[in-house]
Amino acid sequence: MLVDPTTTFIGRASGRSMEGVGIFDGDLLLIDRKLTVQHGDVIVATYNGLFVCKIADMKNNQLLSANPDHPPVKITEHDEYCVEGVVSSTVRLHRVPSEFKF
């Protein structure tokens, strides 16, 4: 796992919308700001004030979930939208350290 500390940050997945691509609630996401978003990439973005982890559908200008229970989100000129980075890898903790337990 190659990580550039100047362009990479870590986030935590929340929810079930990305289970279809193997990202589960609580997984750690390595997010690289340097990578250029390509169609089909898993990204982290801010969308109308919320952090989201979605699949970038560059052809239809929408954000896709990897769970059929979550419909696509069309990005319009009225939305506040900014890609924060591309998810380059994930880490699943099987024993969560006590400082991370809720």
PDB file of N, CA and C in Angstrom:
ATOM      1  N   MET A   1       0.857  -1.167   0.000  1.00  0.00           N
ATOM      2  CA  MET A   1       0.000   0.000   0.000  1.00  0.00           C
ATOM      3  C   MET A   1       0.906   1.233   0.000  1.00  0.00           C
ATOM      4  N   LEU A   2       0.968   1.924  -1.120  1.00  0.00           N
ATOM      5  CA  LEU A   2       1.775   3.127  -1.233  1.00  0.00           C
ATOM      6  C   LEU A   2       0.905   4.332  -0.918  1.00  0.00           C
ATOM      7  N   VAL A   3       1.367   5.132   0.029  1.00  0.00           N
ATOM      8  CA  VAL A   3       0.590   6.289   0.460  1.00  0.00           C
ATOM      9  C   VAL A   3       1.493   7.506   0.465  1.00  0.00           C
ATOM     10  N   ASP A   4       1.052   8.567  -0.176  1.00  0.00           N
ATOM     11  CA  ASP A   4       1.757   9.845  -0.133  1.00  0.00           C
ATOM     12  C   ASP A   4       1.118  10.666   0.980  1.00  0.00           C
ATOM     13  N   PRO A   5       1.822  10.860   2.099  1.00  0.00           N
ATOM     14  CA  PRO A   5       1.211  11.554   3.239  1.00  0.00           C
ATOM     15  C   PRO A   5       0.828  13.002   2.954  1.00  0.00           C
ATOM     16  N   THR A   6       1.363  13.580   1.885  1.00  0.00           N
ATOM     17  CA  THR A   6       1.007  14.971   1.580  1.00  0.00           C
ATOM     18  C   THR A   6      -0.317  15.082   0.833  1.00  0.00           C
ATOM     19  N   THR A   7      -0.792  13.972   0.261  1.00  0.00           N
ATOM     20  CA  THR A   7      -2.039  14.035  -0.516  1.00  0.00           C
ATOM     21  C   THR A   7      -3.094  13.038  -0.046  1.00  0.00           C
ATOM     22  N   THR A   8      -2.774  12.239   0.961  1.00  0.00           N
ATOM     23  CA  THR A   8      -3.683  11.180   1.396  1.00  0.00           C
ATOM     24  C   THR A   8      -4.202  11.454   2.798  1.00  0.00           C
ATOM     25  N   PHE A   9      -5.490  11.183   2.986  1.00  0.00           N
ATOM     26  CA  PHE A   9      -6.057  11.258   4.334  1.00  0.00           C
ATOM     27  C   PHE A   9      -6.940  10.038   4.559  1.00  0.00           C
ATOM     28  N   ILE A  10      -7.323   9.825   5.812  1.00  0.00           N
ATOM     29  CA  ILE A  10      -8.112   8.656   6.192  1.00  0.00           C
ATOM     30  C   ILE A  10      -9.494   9.099   6.622  1.00  0.00           C
ATOM     31  N   GLY A  11     -10.496   8.377   6.176  1.00  0.00           N
ATOM     32  CA  GLY A  11     -11.870   8.596   6.615  1.00  0.00           C
ATOM     33  C   GLY A  11     -12.464   7.273   7.053  1.00  0.00           C
ATOM     34  N   ARG A  12     -13.624   7.333   7.666  1.00  0.00           N
ATOM     35  CA  ARG A  12     -14.305   6.117   8.111  1.00  0.00           C
ATOM     36  C   ARG A  12     -15.646   6.012   7.392  1.00  0.00           C
ATOM     37  N   ALA A  13     -15.905   4.861   6.785  1.00  0.00           N
ATOM     38  CA  ALA A  13     -17.174   4.628   6.094  1.00  0.00           C
ATOM     39  C   ALA A  13     -18.301   4.520   7.109  1.00  0.00           C
ATOM     40  N   SER A  14     -19.446   5.028   6.702  1.00  0.00           N
ATOM     41  CA  SER A  14     -20.623   4.970   7.559  1.00  0.00           C
ATOM     42  C   SER A  14     -21.820   4.575   6.703  1.00  0.00           C
ATOM     43  N   GLY A  15     -22.537   3.565   7.125  1.00  0.00           N
ATOM     44  CA  GLY A  15     -23.723   3.147   6.391  1.00  0.00           C
ATOM     45  C   GLY A  15     -23.471   1.951   5.495  1.00  0.00           C
ATOM     46  N   ARG A  16     -24.502   1.609   4.702  1.00  0.00           N
ATOM     47  CA  ARG A  16     -24.475   0.380   3.913  1.00  0.00           C
ATOM     48  C   ARG A  16     -24.477   0.627   2.402  1.00  0.00           C
ATOM     49  N   SER A  17     -24.373   1.875   1.983  1.00  0.00           N
ATOM     50  CA  SER A  17     -24.563   2.183   0.560  1.00  0.00           C
ATOM     51  C   SER A  17     -23.450   1.670  -0.347  1.00  0.00           C
ATOM     52  N   MET A  18     -22.297   1.299   0.202  1.00  0.00           N
ATOM     53  CA  MET A  18     -21.181   0.860  -0.644  1.00  0.00           C
ATOM     54  C   MET A  18     -20.810  -0.607  -0.431  1.00  0.00           C
ATOM     55  N   GLU A  19     -21.684  -1.364   0.212  1.00  0.00           N
ATOM     56  CA  GLU A  19     -21.389  -2.772   0.482  1.00  0.00           C
ATOM     57  C   GLU A  19     -21.153  -3.583  -0.791  1.00  0.00           C
ATOM     58  N   GLY A  20     -21.793  -3.211  -1.881  1.00  0.00           N
ATOM     59  CA  GLY A  20     -21.641  -3.941  -3.138  1.00  0.00           C
ATOM     60  C   GLY A  20     -20.241  -3.906  -3.724  1.00  0.00           C
ATOM     61  N   VAL A  21     -19.419  -2.957  -3.285  1.00  0.00           N
ATOM     62  CA  VAL A  21     -18.021  -2.906  -3.729  1.00  0.00           C
ATOM     63  C   VAL A  21     -17.071  -3.239  -2.582  1.00  0.00           C
ATOM     64  N   GLY A  22     -17.623  -3.829  -1.512  1.00  0.00           N
ATOM     65  CA  GLY A  22     -16.782  -4.300  -0.419  1.00  0.00           C
ATOM     66  C   GLY A  22     -16.409  -3.260   0.611  1.00  0.00           C
ATOM     67  N   ILE A  23     -17.116  -2.140   0.649  1.00  0.00           N
ATOM     68  CA  ILE A  23     -16.875  -1.119   1.672  1.00  0.00           C
ATOM     69  C   ILE A  23     -18.027  -1.196   2.666  1.00  0.00           C
ATOM     70  N   PHE A  24     -17.687  -1.515   3.916  1.00  0.00           N
ATOM     71  CA  PHE A  24     -18.695  -1.740   4.942  1.00  0.00           C
ATOM     72  C   PHE A  24     -18.622  -0.673   6.032  1.00  0.00           C
ATOM     73  N   ASP A  25     -19.724  -0.537   6.752  1.00  0.00           N
ATOM     74  CA  ASP A  25     -19.820   0.415   7.849  1.00  0.00           C
ATOM     75  C   ASP A  25     -18.632   0.238   8.798  1.00  0.00           C
ATOM     76  N   GLY A  26     -17.906   1.312   9.058  1.00  0.00           N
ATOM     77  CA  GLY A  26     -16.766   1.271   9.962  1.00  0.00           C
ATOM     78  C   GLY A  26     -15.425   1.062   9.292  1.00  0.00           C
ATOM     79  N   ASP A  27     -15.405   0.673   8.017  1.00  0.00           N
ATOM     80  CA  ASP A  27     -14.128   0.500   7.315  1.00  0.00           C
ATOM     81  C   ASP A  27     -13.383   1.828   7.238  1.00  0.00           C
ATOM     82  N   LEU A  28     -12.056   1.740   7.254  1.00  0.00           N
ATOM     83  CA  LEU A  28     -11.230   2.925   7.044  1.00  0.00           C
ATOM     84  C   LEU A  28     -10.990   3.085   5.549  1.00  0.00           C
ATOM     85  N   LEU A  29     -11.070   4.322   5.075  1.00  0.00           N
ATOM     86  CA  LEU A  29     -10.865   4.637   3.667  1.00  0.00           C
ATOM     87  C   LEU A  29      -9.585   5.438   3.518  1.00  0.00           C
ATOM     88  N   LEU A  30      -8.690   5.018   2.648  1.00  0.00           N
ATOM     89  CA  LEU A  30      -7.529   5.823   2.294  1.00  0.00           C
ATOM     90  C   LEU A  30      -7.912   6.618   1.064  1.00  0.00           C
ATOM     91  N   ILE A  31      -7.914   7.935   1.208  1.00  0.00           N
ATOM     92  CA  ILE A  31      -8.437   8.838   0.186  1.00  0.00           C
ATOM     93  C   ILE A  31      -7.292   9.686  -0.339  1.00  0.00           C
ATOM     94  N   ASP A  32      -7.072   9.633  -1.641  1.00  0.00           N
ATOM     95  CA  ASP A  32      -5.955  10.347  -2.265  1.00  0.00           C
ATOM     96  C   ASP A  32      -6.477  11.539  -3.063  1.00  0.00           C
ATOM     97  N   ARG A  33      -6.073  12.733  -2.643  1.00  0.00           N
ATOM     98  CA  ARG A  33      -6.490  13.972  -3.314  1.00  0.00           C
ATOM     99  C   ARG A  33      -5.775  14.176  -4.652  1.00  0.00           C
ATOM    100  N   LYS A  34      -4.639  13.501  -4.836  1.00  0.00           N
ATOM    101  CA  LYS A  34      -3.822  13.703  -6.033  1.00  0.00           C
ATOM    102  C   LYS A  34      -4.377  12.972  -7.258  1.00  0.00           C
ATOM    103  N   LEU A  35      -5.090  11.888  -7.040  1.00  0.00           N
ATOM    104  CA  LEU A  35      -5.590  11.091  -8.160  1.00  0.00           C
ATOM    105  C   LEU A  35      -6.699  11.827  -8.901  1.00  0.00           C
ATOM    106  N   THR A  36      -6.670  11.744 -10.215  1.00  0.00           N
ATOM    107  CA  THR A  36      -7.720  12.327 -11.046  1.00  0.00           C
ATOM    108  C   THR A  36      -8.898  11.362 -11.089  1.00  0.00           C
ATOM    109  N   VAL A  37     -10.084  11.877 -10.841  1.00  0.00           N
ATOM    110  CA  VAL A  37     -11.280  11.034 -10.831  1.00  0.00           C
ATOM    111  C   VAL A  37     -11.570  10.520 -12.236  1.00  0.00           C
ATOM    112  N   GLN A  38     -11.780   9.215 -12.338  1.00  0.00           N
ATOM    113  CA  GLN A  38     -12.176   8.585 -13.592  1.00  0.00           C
ATOM    114  C   GLN A  38     -13.549   7.951 -13.415  1.00  0.00           C
ATOM    115  N   HIS A  39     -14.251   7.788 -14.521  1.00  0.00           N
ATOM    116  CA  HIS A  39     -15.571   7.164 -14.493  1.00  0.00           C
ATOM    117  C   HIS A  39     -15.491   5.817 -13.777  1.00  0.00           C
ATOM    118  N   GLY A  40     -16.339   5.617 -12.775  1.00  0.00           N
ATOM    119  CA  GLY A  40     -16.380   4.359 -12.037  1.00  0.00           C
ATOM    120  C   GLY A  40     -15.535   4.327 -10.782  1.00  0.00           C
ATOM    121  N   ASP A  41     -14.742   5.378 -10.535  1.00  0.00           N
ATOM    122  CA  ASP A  41     -13.947   5.427  -9.308  1.00  0.00           C
ATOM    123  C   ASP A  41     -14.846   5.576  -8.090  1.00  0.00           C
ATOM    124  N   VAL A  42     -14.404   5.003  -6.975  1.00  0.00           N
ATOM    125  CA  VAL A  42     -15.042   5.267  -5.690  1.00  0.00           C
ATOM    126  C   VAL A  42     -14.398   6.540  -5.153  1.00  0.00           C
ATOM    127  N   ILE A  43     -15.230   7.504  -4.809  1.00  0.00           N
ATOM    128  CA  ILE A  43     -14.732   8.804  -4.365  1.00  0.00           C
ATOM    129  C   ILE A  43     -15.340   9.181  -3.018  1.00  0.00           C
ATOM    130  N   VAL A  44     -14.703  10.138  -2.380  1.00  0.00           N
ATOM    131  CA  VAL A  44     -15.290  10.835  -1.241  1.00  0.00           C
ATOM    132  C   VAL A  44     -15.485  12.268  -1.701  1.00  0.00           C
ATOM    133  N   ALA A  45     -16.673  12.790  -1.440  1.00  0.00           N
ATOM    134  CA  ALA A  45     -17.006  14.147  -1.875  1.00  0.00           C
ATOM    135  C   ALA A  45     -17.852  14.823  -0.809  1.00  0.00           C
ATOM    136  N   THR A  46     -17.923  16.149  -0.909  1.00  0.00           N
ATOM    137  CA  THR A  46     -18.935  16.865  -0.144  1.00  0.00           C
ATOM    138  C   THR A  46     -20.076  17.135  -1.111  1.00  0.00           C
ATOM    139  N   TYR A  47     -21.280  16.814  -0.659  1.00  0.00           N
ATOM    140  CA  TYR A  47     -22.472  16.989  -1.479  1.00  0.00           C
ATOM    141  C   TYR A  47     -23.534  17.652  -0.610  1.00  0.00           C
ATOM    142  N   ASN A  48     -23.808  18.917  -0.924  1.00  0.00           N
ATOM    143  CA  ASN A  48     -24.797  19.696  -0.165  1.00  0.00           C
ATOM    144  C   ASN A  48     -24.549  19.626   1.340  1.00  0.00           C
ATOM    145  N   GLY A  49     -23.276  19.787   1.713  1.00  0.00           N
ATOM    146  CA  GLY A  49     -22.902  19.861   3.117  1.00  0.00           C
ATOM    147  C   GLY A  49     -22.617  18.535   3.796  1.00  0.00           C
ATOM    148  N   LEU A  50     -22.743  17.437   3.094  1.00  0.00           N
ATOM    149  CA  LEU A  50     -22.498  16.116   3.676  1.00  0.00           C
ATOM    150  C   LEU A  50     -21.291  15.464   3.016  1.00  0.00           C
ATOM    151  N   PHE A  51     -20.504  14.727   3.810  1.00  0.00           N
ATOM    152  CA  PHE A  51     -19.462  13.883   3.228  1.00  0.00           C
ATOM    153  C   PHE A  51     -20.129  12.616   2.728  1.00  0.00           C
ATOM    154  N   VAL A  52     -19.839  12.232   1.495  1.00  0.00           N
ATOM    155  CA  VAL A  52     -20.398  11.008   0.925  1.00  0.00           C
ATOM    156  C   VAL A  52     -19.290  10.182   0.287  1.00  0.00           C
ATOM    157  N   CYS A  53     -19.464   8.883   0.313  1.00  0.00           N
ATOM    158  CA  CYS A  53     -18.592   7.950  -0.394  1.00  0.00           C
ATOM    159  C   CYS A  53     -19.472   7.286  -1.437  1.00  0.00           C
ATOM    160  N   LYS A  54     -19.159   7.519  -2.710  1.00  0.00           N
ATOM    161  CA  LYS A  54     -20.003   7.044  -3.808  1.00  0.00           C
ATOM    162  C   LYS A  54     -19.142   6.659  -5.005  1.00  0.00           C
ATOM    163  N   ILE A  55     -19.778   6.073  -5.993  1.00  0.00           N
ATOM    164  CA  ILE A  55     -19.128   5.763  -7.264  1.00  0.00           C
ATOM    165  C   ILE A  55     -19.391   6.933  -8.212  1.00  0.00           C
ATOM    166  N   ALA A  56     -18.335   7.444  -8.827  1.00  0.00           N
ATOM    167  CA  ALA A  56     -18.459   8.583  -9.743  1.00  0.00           C
ATOM    168  C   ALA A  56     -18.936   8.099 -11.110  1.00  0.00           C
ATOM    169  N   ASP A  57     -20.122   8.542 -11.502  1.00  0.00           N
ATOM    170  CA  ASP A  57     -20.647   8.269 -12.844  1.00  0.00           C
ATOM    171  C   ASP A  57     -20.429   9.542 -13.657  1.00  0.00           C
ATOM    172  N   MET A  58     -19.269   9.628 -14.293  1.00  0.00           N
ATOM    173  CA  MET A  58     -18.877  10.828 -15.023  1.00  0.00           C
ATOM    174  C   MET A  58     -19.709  11.017 -16.296  1.00  0.00           C
ATOM    175  N   LYS A  59     -20.216   9.941 -16.859  1.00  0.00           N
ATOM    176  CA  LYS A  59     -20.978  10.025 -18.106  1.00  0.00           C
ATOM    177  C   LYS A  59     -22.354  10.642 -17.894  1.00  0.00           C
ATOM    178  N   ASN A  60     -22.957  10.372 -16.735  1.00  0.00           N
ATOM    179  CA  ASN A  60     -24.307  10.863 -16.453  1.00  0.00           C
ATOM    180  C   ASN A  60     -24.342  11.919 -15.354  1.00  0.00           C
ATOM    181  N   ASN A  61     -23.154  12.356 -14.916  1.00  0.00           N
ATOM    182  CA  ASN A  61     -23.033  13.391 -13.887  1.00  0.00           C
ATOM    183  C   ASN A  61     -23.864  13.052 -12.647  1.00  0.00           C
ATOM    184  N   GLN A  62     -23.599  11.847 -12.128  1.00  0.00           N
ATOM    185  CA  GLN A  62     -24.318  11.439 -10.932  1.00  0.00           C
ATOM    186  C   GLN A  62     -23.429  10.618 -10.013  1.00  0.00           C
ATOM    187  N   LEU A  63     -23.899  10.451  -8.794  1.00  0.00           N
ATOM    188  CA  LEU A  63     -23.219   9.654  -7.785  1.00  0.00           C
ATOM    189  C   LEU A  63     -24.019   8.377  -7.586  1.00  0.00           C
ATOM    190  N   LEU A  64     -23.316   7.248  -7.624  1.00  0.00           N
ATOM    191  CA  LEU A  64     -23.972   5.955  -7.510  1.00  0.00           C
ATOM    192  C   LEU A  64     -23.603   5.276  -6.204  1.00  0.00           C
ATOM    193  N   SER A  65     -24.551   4.577  -5.633  1.00  0.00           N
ATOM    194  CA  SER A  65     -24.294   3.701  -4.499  1.00  0.00           C
ATOM    195  C   SER A  65     -24.041   2.301  -5.035  1.00  0.00           C
ATOM    196  N   ALA A  66     -23.478   1.455  -4.196  1.00  0.00           N
ATOM    197  CA  ALA A  66     -23.257   0.061  -4.569  1.00  0.00           C
ATOM    198  C   ALA A  66     -24.243  -0.829  -3.818  1.00  0.00           C
ATOM    199  N   ASN A  67     -25.410  -0.276  -3.543  1.00  0.00           N
ATOM    200  CA  ASN A  67     -26.472  -0.978  -2.843  1.00  0.00           C
ATOM    201  C   ASN A  67     -27.777  -0.588  -3.535  1.00  0.00           C
ATOM    202  N   PRO A  68     -28.541  -1.550  -4.032  1.00  0.00           N
ATOM    203  CA  PRO A  68     -29.759  -1.216  -4.778  1.00  0.00           C
ATOM    204  C   PRO A  68     -30.814  -0.473  -3.960  1.00  0.00           C
ATOM    205  N   ASP A  69     -30.674  -0.462  -2.643  1.00  0.00           N
ATOM    206  CA  ASP A  69     -31.618   0.276  -1.793  1.00  0.00           C
ATOM    207  C   ASP A  69     -31.395   1.785  -1.846  1.00  0.00           C
ATOM    208  N   HIS A  70     -30.276   2.218  -2.433  1.00  0.00           N
ATOM    209  CA  HIS A  70     -29.924   3.634  -2.494  1.00  0.00           C
ATOM    210  C   HIS A  70     -29.905   4.082  -3.957  1.00  0.00           C
ATOM    211  N   PRO A  71     -30.832   4.933  -4.368  1.00  0.00           N
ATOM    212  CA  PRO A  71     -30.906   5.352  -5.776  1.00  0.00           C
ATOM    213  C   PRO A  71     -29.761   6.296  -6.152  1.00  0.00           C
ATOM    214  N   PRO A  72     -29.468   6.418  -7.456  1.00  0.00           N
ATOM    215  CA  PRO A  72     -28.448   7.370  -7.916  1.00  0.00           C
ATOM    216  C   PRO A  72     -28.837   8.800  -7.549  1.00  0.00           C
ATOM    217  N   VAL A  73     -27.817   9.637  -7.383  1.00  0.00           N
ATOM    218  CA  VAL A  73     -28.028  11.056  -7.073  1.00  0.00           C
ATOM    219  C   VAL A  73     -27.500  11.869  -8.247  1.00  0.00           C
ATOM    220  N   LYS A  74     -28.384  12.554  -8.946  1.00  0.00           N
ATOM    221  CA  LYS A  74     -28.005  13.413 -10.070  1.00  0.00           C
ATOM    222  C   LYS A  74     -27.424  14.709  -9.513  1.00  0.00           C
ATOM    223  N   ILE A  75     -26.266  15.120 -10.013  1.00  0.00           N
ATOM    224  CA  ILE A  75     -25.645  16.374  -9.585  1.00  0.00           C
ATOM    225  C   ILE A  75     -26.103  17.470 -10.540  1.00  0.00           C
ATOM    226  N   THR A  76     -26.671  18.528  -9.978  1.00  0.00           N
ATOM    227  CA  THR A  76     -27.164  19.642 -10.791  1.00  0.00           C
ATOM    228  C   THR A  76     -26.382  20.903 -10.465  1.00  0.00           C
ATOM    229  N   GLU A  77     -26.627  21.946 -11.239  1.00  0.00           N
ATOM    230  CA  GLU A  77     -25.952  23.229 -11.002  1.00  0.00           C
ATOM    231  C   GLU A  77     -26.385  23.865  -9.679  1.00  0.00           C
ATOM    232  N   HIS A  78     -27.461  23.383  -9.087  1.00  0.00           N
ATOM    233  CA  HIS A  78     -27.946  23.922  -7.813  1.00  0.00           C
ATOM    234  C   HIS A  78     -27.303  23.247  -6.604  1.00  0.00           C
ATOM    235  N   ASP A  79     -26.584  22.162  -6.829  1.00  0.00           N
ATOM    236  CA  ASP A  79     -25.953  21.422  -5.739  1.00  0.00           C
ATOM    237  C   ASP A  79     -24.585  21.995  -5.404  1.00  0.00           C
ATOM    238  N   GLU A  80     -24.230  21.902  -4.130  1.00  0.00           N
ATOM    239  CA  GLU A  80     -22.862  22.185  -3.696  1.00  0.00           C
ATOM    240  C   GLU A  80     -22.139  20.847  -3.716  1.00  0.00           C
ATOM    241  N   TYR A  81     -21.127  20.736  -4.580  1.00  0.00           N
ATOM    242  CA  TYR A  81     -20.471  19.455  -4.803  1.00  0.00           C
ATOM    243  C   TYR A  81     -18.983  19.675  -5.019  1.00  0.00           C
ATOM    244  N   CYS A  82     -18.175  18.910  -4.291  1.00  0.00           N
ATOM    245  CA  CYS A  82     -16.722  19.000  -4.439  1.00  0.00           C
ATOM    246  C   CYS A  82     -16.105  17.634  -4.140  1.00  0.00           C
ATOM    247  N   VAL A  83     -15.346  17.111  -5.081  1.00  0.00           N
ATOM    248  CA  VAL A  83     -14.641  15.848  -4.854  1.00  0.00           C
ATOM    249  C   VAL A  83     -13.476  16.116  -3.917  1.00  0.00           C
ATOM    250  N   GLU A  84     -13.405  15.345  -2.840  1.00  0.00           N
ATOM    251  CA  GLU A  84     -12.303  15.472  -1.885  1.00  0.00           C
ATOM    252  C   GLU A  84     -11.151  14.540  -2.244  1.00  0.00           C
ATOM    253  N   GLY A  85     -11.446  13.431  -2.918  1.00  0.00           N
ATOM    254  CA  GLY A  85     -10.400  12.511  -3.327  1.00  0.00           C
ATOM    255  C   GLY A  85     -10.963  11.180  -3.780  1.00  0.00           C
ATOM    256  N   VAL A  86     -10.060  10.359  -4.317  1.00  0.00           N
ATOM    257  CA  VAL A  86     -10.398   9.018  -4.792  1.00  0.00           C
ATOM    258  C   VAL A  86     -10.022   8.016  -3.703  1.00  0.00           C
ATOM    259  N   VAL A  87     -10.920   7.083  -3.422  1.00  0.00           N
ATOM    260  CA  VAL A  87     -10.613   6.029  -2.449  1.00  0.00           C
ATOM    261  C   VAL A  87      -9.636   5.065  -3.114  1.00  0.00           C
ATOM    262  N   SER A  88      -8.415   5.033  -2.590  1.00  0.00           N
ATOM    263  CA  SER A  88      -7.382   4.184  -3.186  1.00  0.00           C
ATOM    264  C   SER A  88      -7.344   2.803  -2.549  1.00  0.00           C
ATOM    265  N   SER A  89      -7.767   2.699  -1.294  1.00  0.00           N
ATOM    266  CA  SER A  89      -7.834   1.395  -0.628  1.00  0.00           C
ATOM    267  C   SER A  89      -8.658   1.520   0.645  1.00  0.00           C
ATOM    268  N   THR A  90      -8.988   0.370   1.200  1.00  0.00           N
ATOM    269  CA  THR A  90      -9.756   0.334   2.444  1.00  0.00           C
ATOM    270  C   THR A  90      -9.075  -0.596   3.430  1.00  0.00           C
ATOM    271  N   VAL A  91      -9.389  -0.388   4.695  1.00  0.00           N
ATOM    272  CA  VAL A  91      -8.882  -1.241   5.765  1.00  0.00           C
ATOM    273  C   VAL A  91     -10.072  -1.611   6.638  1.00  0.00           C
ATOM    274  N   ARG A  92     -10.214  -2.887   6.919  1.00  0.00           N
ATOM    275  CA  ARG A  92     -11.283  -3.339   7.802  1.00  0.00           C
ATOM    276  C   ARG A  92     -10.655  -3.773   9.121  1.00  0.00           C
ATOM    277  N   LEU A  93     -11.100  -3.159  10.191  1.00  0.00           N
ATOM    278  CA  LEU A  93     -10.617  -3.509  11.519  1.00  0.00           C
ATOM    279  C   LEU A  93     -11.486  -4.625  12.083  1.00  0.00           C
ATOM    280  N   HIS A  94     -10.859  -5.684  12.523  1.00  0.00           N
ATOM    281  CA  HIS A  94     -11.616  -6.797  13.101  1.00  0.00           C
ATOM    282  C   HIS A  94     -11.705  -6.678  14.615  1.00  0.00           C
ATOM    283  N   ARG A  95     -10.787  -5.957  15.189  1.00  0.00           N
ATOM    284  CA  ARG A  95     -10.859  -5.654  16.612  1.00  0.00           C
ATOM    285  C   ARG A  95     -10.600  -4.165  16.736  1.00  0.00           C
ATOM    286  N   VAL A  96     -11.647  -3.426  17.019  1.00  0.00           N
ATOM    287  CA  VAL A  96     -11.554  -1.974  17.072  1.00  0.00           C
ATOM    288  C   VAL A  96     -10.889  -1.565  18.383  1.00  0.00           C
ATOM    289  N   PRO A  97      -9.815  -0.739  18.322  1.00  0.00           N
ATOM    290  CA  PRO A  97      -9.187  -0.252  19.553  1.00  0.00           C
ATOM    291  C   PRO A  97     -10.200   0.494  20.416  1.00  0.00           C
ATOM    292  N   SER A  98     -10.021   0.418  21.725  1.00  0.00           N
ATOM    293  CA  SER A  98     -11.000   0.998  22.655  1.00  0.00           C
ATOM    294  C   SER A  98     -11.213   2.488  22.431  1.00  0.00           C
ATOM    295  N   GLU A  99     -10.207   3.221  21.957  1.00  0.00           N
ATOM    296  CA  GLU A  99     -10.385   4.660  21.740  1.00  0.00           C
ATOM    297  C   GLU A  99     -11.312   4.962  20.570  1.00  0.00           C
ATOM    298  N   PHE A 100     -11.610   3.957  19.729  1.00  0.00           N
ATOM    299  CA  PHE A 100     -12.521   4.147  18.606  1.00  0.00           C
ATOM    300  C   PHE A 100     -13.913   3.589  18.867  1.00  0.00           C
ATOM    301  N   LYS A 101     -14.096   2.921  19.993  1.00  0.00           N
ATOM    302  CA  LYS A 101     -15.406   2.338  20.291  1.00  0.00           C
ATOM    303  C   LYS A 101     -16.367   3.419  20.732  1.00  0.00           C
ATOM    304  N   PHE A 102     -17.625   3.210  20.395  1.00  0.00           N
ATOM    305  CA  PHE A 102     -18.656   4.194  20.710  1.00  0.00           C
ATOM    306  C   PHE A 102     -19.330   3.855  22.006  1.00  0.00           C
TER     307      PHE A 102
END
